[in-house]
């Protein structure tokens, strides 16, 4: 394990990255901040099929594990065409010299068994240069239709063992699926795997829907609906697709909701009499608490990971900026002081950063800053990037990118927190307003 981390750190430093890593209680953490990293070479031979029915799913799982790791930009898969050794059996000893010869620094082997609809996946991770297995093998059980989840779980475990961070592959994203012309676009809620697969629709297109947000457990989704003609907040159960509306006074407009960290409350914007403030509602009792009382527009609230603070957007200083206050309201402090307008702030799951949308000099950016507003970094730039959301481990940010013009479309993109590895998320049709959910249980 130490040998593999030495190789990773050497690659990081050679690429011009300052990656402060210190000994501590628990796994090491690798923080990539800037520059270019040389991806870690790894090999994934096709997993062994332990039953005749498992051949195709074993091949599919192997490929998806490799795609997950390669897609991070931190790893580089060695083509199977370069393999000297072939892994015919999960139990056979590893010919480390053959893998060293092709510069594989990590090796992932596995075995798959199918019995009826039941699926079992075993895997091992090896540090090739030290000739050791990292932490022993793991086994996951599921169903054949759920083989993609099994692959994501294997990739998450391998990623975590090598980097010391939590994974994010076995997670889902809720978003707004868009279709039709730009001046008459139909929108409905949809949910998908983190990589764009397994899209399922949660609502029809009879009403405009905006800003979906996962609950901390991933079992419910908040969103804004214009079904009544006014923006109102709905809560939908992901499994049953049953929904209910958050109670607000007649004529009031409620929008931009987000769950509290325990999932028991909702914080949101409420517009009434020309004023927009932040409110919090208990989902069990229906009790409402007003959090702000300024004559400005307060919106896009997001809780800190410990639930003690809320970051939000406000134009109380004359232009939209980012502020932080206690979870129960009270005095707020401004944390954005760069040029331009700031909005849609979201607290990182790690608690150290805030992601935001910035508009300046005719360009839109997705950026991050420390929670005190320092060390602001812009990760993207385009005619219209907006609405960041964090992966469960705080490593990746997904957002909406829209192309302008009469035929413009909205698409989902992701970028590493360092600003590297910008790429489109493959979703059929238009898509916007992504919200990343937690790792699945």
Foldseek 3Di string as FASTA:
>chain_A
DVVLLVVQVVQCVVQVFDWDWDDDPADIATDGAAGAGDAAEAEQAQEEEPDPVCRVLSNVLSVLLQVQRVLLNNHDYDDPVQQPDHPHDPPDQDPLVRCVVSPHQKYKYKYWYDDPFKIKIKMWMDRSVVRGTQPDMDMDIDTPVCSSLVSQVVSQVVVCSSRVFGGFQQWKKKWWFWDDFPVDIFTFIWMAGPQAPDIDTLDGRPWDKAFWAAAQQRQKIWIWTCNVVATWIKIAGPPVSDIDTQDDDPPKHWGQWYAANVRQKIWTWIDDPQAIFIWMAGPPPRDIATADDDRWHWGQWEAALVRQKIWTWICPVPATFIWMDTNRHDDIDTQADDPFHWHNWYAFNVRFKIWIWGDDPQWIFIWIAGPNNPPIDTLDIDNDWGAWEARQRRFKIKTWDWDDDRRIAIFIWMATNSSPSIDTRDHPHGIHNMYIHHRHD
